[in-house]
């Protein structure tokens, strides 16, 4: 017998086909499970990968330092970050820099969590919120205002000064547990710029009013001078007529 014929495929027994459909037939008679969403929302796992959140320190300062490592780690290129420098007059984080612009495009995000692993300050975490559907593309680009965590007890909204007598390392060591007594939000540059035109307009209005008053005074003085000149002319004419009559 040729060697090629001896190596031919052996026919499979008929029962192997029935065994292959065994799982299918078994599930056909099981009770169907229907999720009553959105009336009933199934609880998620504690470490579920949902919508992102930018966290704060216990006194309200932001943990994000604008390093952009999350944007570099994102495989879908869904994160955009712009960092900026802190100042003593306008401080958003304990360190030298903070995230001035922070955006996540959920049309691209695959909720893999690599950005969370790359964050060196635990500023970015993922919540259990999974309802991200919306009616427009623009609304699915979340900005810093939407991602930043809300204020809790003992926090003051940014920008504000760091806790007196502490450094950036003290924040990461957990030595700062709340905002210092008397801490108030600092005035932002945008708010100061918005108030400046109003003051300039008020000054300009006052200048125009003063100019109008000056012009009115000048007009009154000119009218008085013209009246005096007319009365003097009348007096001279009357004197000349009297002199002619005397002759």
C-alpha atoms as a PDB file:
ATOM      1  CA  UNK A   1       0.000   0.000   0.000  1.00  0.00           C
ATOM      2  CA  UNK A   2       1.414   3.405  -0.913  1.00  0.00           C
ATOM      3  CA  UNK A   3       2.597   5.516   1.971  1.00  0.00           C
ATOM      4  CA  UNK A   4       0.400   8.447   0.890  1.00  0.00           C
ATOM      5  CA  UNK A   5      -2.762   6.341   1.252  1.00  0.00           C
ATOM      6  CA  UNK A   6      -1.738   5.100   4.692  1.00  0.00           C
ATOM      7  CA  UNK A   7      -1.460   8.703   5.890  1.00  0.00           C
ATOM      8  CA  UNK A   8      -4.947   9.670   4.694  1.00  0.00           C
ATOM      9  CA  UNK A   9      -7.407  11.413   7.052  1.00  0.00           C
ATOM     10  CA  UNK A  10      -9.467   9.059   9.163  1.00  0.00           C
ATOM     11  CA  UNK A  11     -13.240   9.628   9.070  1.00  0.00           C
ATOM     12  CA  UNK A  12     -14.607  11.111  12.294  1.00  0.00           C
ATOM     13  CA  UNK A  13     -17.414   9.299  14.111  1.00  0.00           C
ATOM     14  CA  UNK A  14     -20.911  10.883  13.775  1.00  0.00           C
ATOM     15  CA  UNK A  15     -21.139  11.599  17.494  1.00  0.00           C
ATOM     16  CA  UNK A  16     -18.372  14.245  17.276  1.00  0.00           C
ATOM     17  CA  UNK A  17     -20.712  16.582  15.351  1.00  0.00           C
ATOM     18  CA  UNK A  18     -23.438  16.234  17.970  1.00  0.00           C
ATOM     19  CA  UNK A  19     -20.906  16.885  20.730  1.00  0.00           C
ATOM     20  CA  UNK A  20     -19.876  20.083  18.987  1.00  0.00           C
ATOM     21  CA  UNK A  21     -23.432  21.422  19.150  1.00  0.00           C
ATOM     22  CA  UNK A  22     -23.890  20.285  22.711  1.00  0.00           C
ATOM     23  CA  UNK A  23     -23.105  23.719  24.156  1.00  0.00           C
ATOM     24  CA  UNK A  24     -25.525  25.360  21.736  1.00  0.00           C
ATOM     25  CA  UNK A  25     -28.393  23.019  22.532  1.00  0.00           C
ATOM     26  CA  UNK A  26     -27.723  23.316  26.255  1.00  0.00           C
ATOM     27  CA  UNK A  27     -27.973  27.131  26.222  1.00  0.00           C
ATOM     28  CA  UNK A  28     -31.149  27.086  24.136  1.00  0.00           C
ATOM     29  CA  UNK A  29     -33.179  25.857  27.087  1.00  0.00           C
ATOM     30  CA  UNK A  30     -31.679  28.143  29.731  1.00  0.00           C
ATOM     31  CA  UNK A  31     -33.643  31.017  31.187  1.00  0.00           C
ATOM     32  CA  UNK A  32     -32.926  34.241  29.339  1.00  0.00           C
ATOM     33  CA  UNK A  33     -31.387  37.115  31.258  1.00  0.00           C
ATOM     34  CA  UNK A  34     -32.612  40.587  30.299  1.00  0.00           C
ATOM     35  CA  UNK A  35     -30.978  43.669  31.795  1.00  0.00           C
ATOM     36  CA  UNK A  36     -33.591  46.285  32.758  1.00  0.00           C
ATOM     37  CA  UNK A  37     -31.388  49.213  31.787  1.00  0.00           C
ATOM     38  CA  UNK A  38     -31.640  52.132  32.465  1.00  0.00           C
ATOM     39  CA  UNK A  39     -34.274  51.490  35.134  1.00  0.00           C
ATOM     40  CA  UNK A  40     -31.862  49.133  36.850  1.00  0.00           C
ATOM     41  CA  UNK A  41     -28.125  49.776  36.564  1.00  0.00           C
ATOM     42  CA  UNK A  42     -25.920  46.815  37.294  1.00  0.00           C
ATOM     43  CA  UNK A  43     -23.204  47.634  39.867  1.00  0.00           C
ATOM     44  CA  UNK A  44     -19.714  47.746  38.397  1.00  0.00           C
ATOM     45  CA  UNK A  45     -16.525  46.250  39.783  1.00  0.00           C
ATOM     46  CA  UNK A  46     -14.577  48.375  42.292  1.00  0.00           C
ATOM     47  CA  UNK A  47     -11.711  48.890  39.802  1.00  0.00           C
ATOM     48  CA  UNK A  48     -13.939  49.386  36.766  1.00  0.00           C
ATOM     49  CA  UNK A  49     -12.386  51.480  33.959  1.00  0.00           C
ATOM     50  CA  UNK A  50     -14.853  54.320  33.487  1.00  0.00           C
ATOM     51  CA  UNK A  51     -14.693  58.073  32.975  1.00  0.00           C
ATOM     52  CA  UNK A  52     -11.462  59.768  34.081  1.00  0.00           C
ATOM     53  CA  UNK A  53     -11.093  62.186  36.993  1.00  0.00           C
ATOM     54  CA  UNK A  54      -8.443  64.773  37.865  1.00  0.00           C
ATOM     55  CA  UNK A  55      -7.851  64.615  41.625  1.00  0.00           C
ATOM     56  CA  UNK A  56      -7.038  67.311  44.182  1.00  0.00           C
ATOM     57  CA  UNK A  57      -4.890  67.522  47.276  1.00  0.00           C
ATOM     58  CA  UNK A  58      -6.718  67.703  50.643  1.00  0.00           C
ATOM     59  CA  UNK A  59      -6.489  71.508  50.634  1.00  0.00           C
ATOM     60  CA  UNK A  60      -7.953  71.852  47.128  1.00  0.00           C
ATOM     61  CA  UNK A  61      -4.779  72.297  45.052  1.00  0.00           C
ATOM     62  CA  UNK A  62      -4.576  70.162  41.918  1.00  0.00           C
ATOM     63  CA  UNK A  63      -2.371  67.071  41.753  1.00  0.00           C
ATOM     64  CA  UNK A  64      -1.727  67.414  38.007  1.00  0.00           C
ATOM     65  CA  UNK A  65       1.695  68.931  37.273  1.00  0.00           C
ATOM     66  CA  UNK A  66       1.297  69.142  33.490  1.00  0.00           C
ATOM     67  CA  UNK A  67       4.040  66.596  32.719  1.00  0.00           C
ATOM     68  CA  UNK A  68       2.079  65.176  29.738  1.00  0.00           C
ATOM     69  CA  UNK A  69       3.160  61.590  30.492  1.00  0.00           C
ATOM     70  CA  UNK A  70      -0.468  60.458  30.244  1.00  0.00           C
ATOM     71  CA  UNK A  71      -0.701  61.892  26.731  1.00  0.00           C
ATOM     72  CA  UNK A  72       2.498  60.095  25.689  1.00  0.00           C
ATOM     73  CA  UNK A  73       1.269  56.783  27.149  1.00  0.00           C
ATOM     74  CA  UNK A  74      -2.149  56.899  25.467  1.00  0.00           C
ATOM     75  CA  UNK A  75      -2.194  54.397  22.551  1.00  0.00           C
ATOM     76  CA  UNK A  76      -5.202  56.098  20.957  1.00  0.00           C
ATOM     77  CA  UNK A  77      -3.819  59.661  21.120  1.00  0.00           C
ATOM     78  CA  UNK A  78      -6.972  60.726  22.975  1.00  0.00           C
ATOM     79  CA  UNK A  79      -5.375  63.034  25.608  1.00  0.00           C
ATOM     80  CA  UNK A  80      -4.167  66.590  25.069  1.00  0.00           C
ATOM     81  CA  UNK A  81      -2.291  68.464  27.822  1.00  0.00           C
ATOM     82  CA  UNK A  82      -0.710  71.914  28.014  1.00  0.00           C
ATOM     83  CA  UNK A  83       1.366  72.760  31.083  1.00  0.00           C
ATOM     84  CA  UNK A  84       2.039  76.204  32.547  1.00  0.00           C
ATOM     85  CA  UNK A  85       4.112  77.683  35.378  1.00  0.00           C
ATOM     86  CA  UNK A  86       2.695  78.470  38.795  1.00  0.00           C
ATOM     87  CA  UNK A  87       3.299  81.860  40.422  1.00  0.00           C
ATOM     88  CA  UNK A  88       2.928  83.087  43.980  1.00  0.00           C
ATOM     89  CA  UNK A  89       0.055  85.300  42.813  1.00  0.00           C
ATOM     90  CA  UNK A  90      -1.739  82.479  40.962  1.00  0.00           C
ATOM     91  CA  UNK A  91      -1.026  78.921  42.140  1.00  0.00           C
ATOM     92  CA  UNK A  92      -2.930  75.795  41.056  1.00  0.00           C
ATOM     93  CA  UNK A  93      -0.631  73.012  42.310  1.00  0.00           C
ATOM     94  CA  UNK A  94       2.129  72.708  44.940  1.00  0.00           C
ATOM     95  CA  UNK A  95       4.880  72.217  42.340  1.00  0.00           C
ATOM     96  CA  UNK A  96       6.407  74.461  39.705  1.00  0.00           C
ATOM     97  CA  UNK A  97       3.897  73.613  36.958  1.00  0.00           C
ATOM     98  CA  UNK A  98       0.265  72.664  36.545  1.00  0.00           C
ATOM     99  CA  UNK A  99      -2.022  71.460  33.775  1.00  0.00           C
ATOM    100  CA  UNK A 100      -3.454  74.623  32.215  1.00  0.00           C
ATOM    101  CA  UNK A 101      -5.284  72.724  29.456  1.00  0.00           C
ATOM    102  CA  UNK A 102      -6.465  69.134  29.845  1.00  0.00           C
ATOM    103  CA  UNK A 103      -8.720  67.375  27.336  1.00  0.00           C
ATOM    104  CA  UNK A 104      -9.775  63.767  26.758  1.00  0.00           C
ATOM    105  CA  UNK A 105     -11.474  62.796  23.512  1.00  0.00           C
ATOM    106  CA  UNK A 106     -13.837  59.932  24.347  1.00  0.00           C
ATOM    107  CA  UNK A 107     -14.433  59.297  20.661  1.00  0.00           C
ATOM    108  CA  UNK A 108     -10.889  57.872  20.651  1.00  0.00           C
ATOM    109  CA  UNK A 109     -10.404  56.706  24.236  1.00  0.00           C
ATOM    110  CA  UNK A 110     -10.471  52.912  24.675  1.00  0.00           C
ATOM    111  CA  UNK A 111     -10.516  53.081  28.512  1.00  0.00           C
ATOM    112  CA  UNK A 112      -7.382  50.935  28.774  1.00  0.00           C
ATOM    113  CA  UNK A 113      -6.020  52.712  31.861  1.00  0.00           C
ATOM    114  CA  UNK A 114      -2.443  53.134  30.606  1.00  0.00           C
ATOM    115  CA  UNK A 115      -2.662  56.856  31.280  1.00  0.00           C
ATOM    116  CA  UNK A 116      -3.432  56.140  34.938  1.00  0.00           C
ATOM    117  CA  UNK A 117      -0.391  53.878  35.210  1.00  0.00           C
ATOM    118  CA  UNK A 118       1.847  56.553  33.679  1.00  0.00           C
ATOM    119  CA  UNK A 119       0.752  59.383  36.019  1.00  0.00           C
ATOM    120  CA  UNK A 120       3.530  60.008  38.608  1.00  0.00           C
ATOM    121  CA  UNK A 121       1.345  61.930  41.076  1.00  0.00           C
ATOM    122  CA  UNK A 122      -1.880  59.873  40.994  1.00  0.00           C
ATOM    123  CA  UNK A 123      -3.582  62.944  39.599  1.00  0.00           C
ATOM    124  CA  UNK A 124      -5.497  60.912  37.008  1.00  0.00           C
ATOM    125  CA  UNK A 125      -7.735  58.010  38.008  1.00  0.00           C
ATOM    126  CA  UNK A 126     -10.754  56.271  36.517  1.00  0.00           C
ATOM    127  CA  UNK A 127     -14.232  56.299  38.036  1.00  0.00           C
ATOM    128  CA  UNK A 128     -17.132  53.860  37.762  1.00  0.00           C
ATOM    129  CA  UNK A 129     -19.126  56.129  35.469  1.00  0.00           C
ATOM    130  CA  UNK A 130     -19.767  54.494  32.093  1.00  0.00           C
ATOM    131  CA  UNK A 131     -22.680  56.515  30.661  1.00  0.00           C
ATOM    132  CA  UNK A 132     -20.723  58.568  28.131  1.00  0.00           C
ATOM    133  CA  UNK A 133     -23.105  58.593  25.165  1.00  0.00           C
ATOM    134  CA  UNK A 134     -24.098  61.991  23.799  1.00  0.00           C
ATOM    135  CA  UNK A 135     -25.644  63.636  20.753  1.00  0.00           C
ATOM    136  CA  UNK A 136     -22.636  65.492  19.315  1.00  0.00           C
ATOM    137  CA  UNK A 137     -18.921  64.980  18.839  1.00  0.00           C
ATOM    138  CA  UNK A 138     -18.017  68.217  20.602  1.00  0.00           C
ATOM    139  CA  UNK A 139     -19.720  67.138  23.822  1.00  0.00           C
ATOM    140  CA  UNK A 140     -17.562  63.984  23.963  1.00  0.00           C
ATOM    141  CA  UNK A 141     -14.369  66.023  24.293  1.00  0.00           C
ATOM    142  CA  UNK A 142     -14.128  66.501  28.036  1.00  0.00           C
ATOM    143  CA  UNK A 143     -12.190  69.512  29.298  1.00  0.00           C
ATOM    144  CA  UNK A 144     -10.430  70.162  32.589  1.00  0.00           C
ATOM    145  CA  UNK A 145     -13.529  71.821  34.000  1.00  0.00           C
ATOM    146  CA  UNK A 146     -15.515  68.609  33.492  1.00  0.00           C
ATOM    147  CA  UNK A 147     -12.768  66.222  34.634  1.00  0.00           C
ATOM    148  CA  UNK A 148     -11.613  68.041  37.767  1.00  0.00           C
ATOM    149  CA  UNK A 149     -12.907  66.548  41.018  1.00  0.00           C
ATOM    150  CA  UNK A 150     -15.313  68.582  43.115  1.00  0.00           C
ATOM    151  CA  UNK A 151     -14.486  70.295  46.392  1.00  0.00           C
ATOM    152  CA  UNK A 152     -14.799  68.384  49.643  1.00  0.00           C
ATOM    153  CA  UNK A 153     -14.714  69.475  53.277  1.00  0.00           C
ATOM    154  CA  UNK A 154     -11.548  71.391  54.122  1.00  0.00           C
ATOM    155  CA  UNK A 155     -10.800  72.332  50.501  1.00  0.00           C
ATOM    156  CA  UNK A 156     -10.562  75.779  48.875  1.00  0.00           C
ATOM    157  CA  UNK A 157     -10.973  76.244  45.140  1.00  0.00           C
ATOM    158  CA  UNK A 158      -7.888  77.046  43.087  1.00  0.00           C
ATOM    159  CA  UNK A 159      -5.906  79.171  42.663  1.00  0.00           C
ATOM    160  CA  UNK A 160      -4.680  79.712  46.218  1.00  0.00           C
ATOM    161  CA  UNK A 161      -1.414  79.675  48.176  1.00  0.00           C
ATOM    162  CA  UNK A 162       0.145  76.483  49.540  1.00  0.00           C
ATOM    163  CA  UNK A 163      -0.132  75.602  53.203  1.00  0.00           C
ATOM    164  CA  UNK A 164       2.219  77.964  55.122  1.00  0.00           C
ATOM    165  CA  UNK A 165       5.505  76.380  56.142  1.00  0.00           C
ATOM    166  CA  UNK A 166       5.221  73.389  53.784  1.00  0.00           C
ATOM    167  CA  UNK A 167       6.814  72.342  50.520  1.00  0.00           C
ATOM    168  CA  UNK A 168       5.771  70.244  47.554  1.00  0.00           C
ATOM    169  CA  UNK A 169       7.223  67.109  49.173  1.00  0.00           C
ATOM    170  CA  UNK A 170       5.051  67.604  52.265  1.00  0.00           C
ATOM    171  CA  UNK A 171       1.961  67.312  50.057  1.00  0.00           C
ATOM    172  CA  UNK A 172       3.069  63.960  48.656  1.00  0.00           C
ATOM    173  CA  UNK A 173       3.992  62.722  52.134  1.00  0.00           C
ATOM    174  CA  UNK A 174       0.420  63.332  53.254  1.00  0.00           C
ATOM    175  CA  UNK A 175       1.331  66.002  55.812  1.00  0.00           C
ATOM    176  CA  UNK A 176      -1.262  68.444  54.454  1.00  0.00           C
ATOM    177  CA  UNK A 177      -4.755  67.304  55.417  1.00  0.00           C
ATOM    178  CA  UNK A 178      -6.798  70.457  54.794  1.00  0.00           C
ATOM    179  CA  UNK A 179      -6.509  74.082  53.745  1.00  0.00           C
ATOM    180  CA  UNK A 180      -4.908  76.495  56.180  1.00  0.00           C
ATOM    181  CA  UNK A 181      -7.326  78.666  58.177  1.00  0.00           C
ATOM    182  CA  UNK A 182      -8.044  81.904  56.367  1.00  0.00           C
ATOM    183  CA  UNK A 183      -7.102  80.561  52.917  1.00  0.00           C
ATOM    184  CA  UNK A 184      -9.000  82.364  50.165  1.00  0.00           C
ATOM    185  CA  UNK A 185      -8.942  81.925  46.362  1.00  0.00           C
ATOM    186  CA  UNK A 186      -6.525  84.155  44.498  1.00  0.00           C
ATOM    187  CA  UNK A 187      -7.598  86.434  41.674  1.00  0.00           C
ATOM    188  CA  UNK A 188      -6.864  84.933  38.275  1.00  0.00           C
ATOM    189  CA  UNK A 189      -5.247  86.827  35.425  1.00  0.00           C
ATOM    190  CA  UNK A 190      -8.390  86.406  33.318  1.00  0.00           C
ATOM    191  CA  UNK A 191     -10.546  87.986  36.009  1.00  0.00           C
ATOM    192  CA  UNK A 192      -8.105  90.863  36.386  1.00  0.00           C
ATOM    193  CA  UNK A 193      -8.080  91.386  32.620  1.00  0.00           C
ATOM    194  CA  UNK A 194     -11.861  91.401  32.517  1.00  0.00           C
ATOM    195  CA  UNK A 195     -12.012  94.128  35.182  1.00  0.00           C
ATOM    196  CA  UNK A 196      -9.394  96.378  33.549  1.00  0.00           C
ATOM    197  CA  UNK A 197     -11.459  97.438  30.502  1.00  0.00           C
ATOM    198  CA  UNK A 198     -14.346  98.379  32.782  1.00  0.00           C
ATOM    199  CA  UNK A 199     -12.098 100.701  34.795  1.00  0.00           C
ATOM    200  CA  UNK A 200     -10.630 102.159  31.624  1.00  0.00           C
ATOM    201  CA  UNK A 201     -14.102 102.803  30.250  1.00  0.00           C
ATOM    202  CA  UNK A 202     -15.104 104.521  33.477  1.00  0.00           C
ATOM    203  CA  UNK A 203     -12.046 106.756  33.333  1.00  0.00           C
ATOM    204  CA  UNK A 204     -12.731 107.581  29.712  1.00  0.00           C
ATOM    205  CA  UNK A 205     -16.341 108.413  30.550  1.00  0.00           C
ATOM    206  CA  UNK A 206     -15.251 110.686  33.378  1.00  0.00           C
ATOM    207  CA  UNK A 207     -12.776 112.384  31.047  1.00  0.00           C
ATOM    208  CA  UNK A 208     -15.493 112.969  28.478  1.00  0.00           C
ATOM    209  CA  UNK A 209     -17.779 114.373  31.158  1.00  0.00           C
ATOM    210  CA  UNK A 210     -15.055 116.728  32.387  1.00  0.00           C
ATOM    211  CA  UNK A 211     -14.328 117.794  28.810  1.00  0.00           C
ATOM    212  CA  UNK A 212     -18.018 118.480  28.276  1.00  0.00           C
ATOM    213  CA  UNK A 213     -18.140 120.608  31.416  1.00  0.00           C
ATOM    214  CA  UNK A 214     -15.073 122.536  30.299  1.00  0.00           C
ATOM    215  CA  UNK A 215     -16.562 123.140  26.863  1.00  0.00           C
ATOM    216  CA  UNK A 216     -19.805 124.296  28.476  1.00  0.00           C
ATOM    217  CA  UNK A 217     -17.888 126.708  30.680  1.00  0.00           C
ATOM    218  CA  UNK A 218     -15.990 128.044  27.697  1.00  0.00           C
ATOM    219  CA  UNK A 219     -19.229 128.555  25.777  1.00  0.00           C
ATOM    220  CA  UNK A 220     -20.788 130.387  28.709  1.00  0.00           C
ATOM    221  CA  UNK A 221     -17.730 132.636  29.023  1.00  0.00           C
ATOM    222  CA  UNK A 222     -17.802 133.338  25.279  1.00  0.00           C
ATOM    223  CA  UNK A 223     -21.511 134.207  25.413  1.00  0.00           C
ATOM    224  CA  UNK A 224     -20.900 136.558  28.332  1.00  0.00           C
ATOM    225  CA  UNK A 225     -18.021 138.231  26.497  1.00  0.00           C
ATOM    226  CA  UNK A 226     -20.166 138.675  23.388  1.00  0.00           C
ATOM    227  CA  UNK A 227     -22.939 140.216  25.490  1.00  0.00           C
ATOM    228  CA  UNK A 228     -20.520 142.650  27.097  1.00  0.00           C
ATOM    229  CA  UNK A 229     -19.172 143.629  23.698  1.00  0.00           C
ATOM    230  CA  UNK A 230     -22.672 144.293  22.370  1.00  0.00           C
ATOM    231  CA  UNK A 231     -23.581 146.436  25.373  1.00  0.00           C
ATOM    232  CA  UNK A 232     -20.372 148.445  24.977  1.00  0.00           C
ATOM    233  CA  UNK A 233     -21.101 149.004  21.279  1.00  0.00           C
ATOM    234  CA  UNK A 234     -24.568 150.253  22.146  1.00  0.00           C
ATOM    235  CA  UNK A 235     -23.151 152.662  24.690  1.00  0.00           C
ATOM    236  CA  UNK A 236     -20.660 154.069  22.169  1.00  0.00           C
ATOM    237  CA  UNK A 237     -23.396 154.537  19.550  1.00  0.00           C
ATOM    238  CA  UNK A 238     -25.638 156.343  22.032  1.00  0.00           C
ATOM    239  CA  UNK A 239     -22.782 158.667  23.010  1.00  0.00           C
ATOM    240  CA  UNK A 240     -22.058 159.534  19.385  1.00  0.00           C
ATOM    241  CA  UNK A 241     -25.731 160.378  18.768  1.00  0.00           C
ATOM    242  CA  UNK A 242     -25.844 162.654  21.777  1.00  0.00           C
ATOM    243  CA  UNK A 243     -22.740 164.485  20.576  1.00  0.00           C
ATOM    244  CA  UNK A 244     -24.282 165.157  17.155  1.00  0.00           C
ATOM    245  CA  UNK A 245     -27.462 166.547  18.710  1.00  0.00           C
ATOM    246  CA  UNK A 246     -25.407 168.904  20.876  1.00  0.00           C
ATOM    247  CA  UNK A 247     -23.702 170.375  17.843  1.00  0.00           C
END
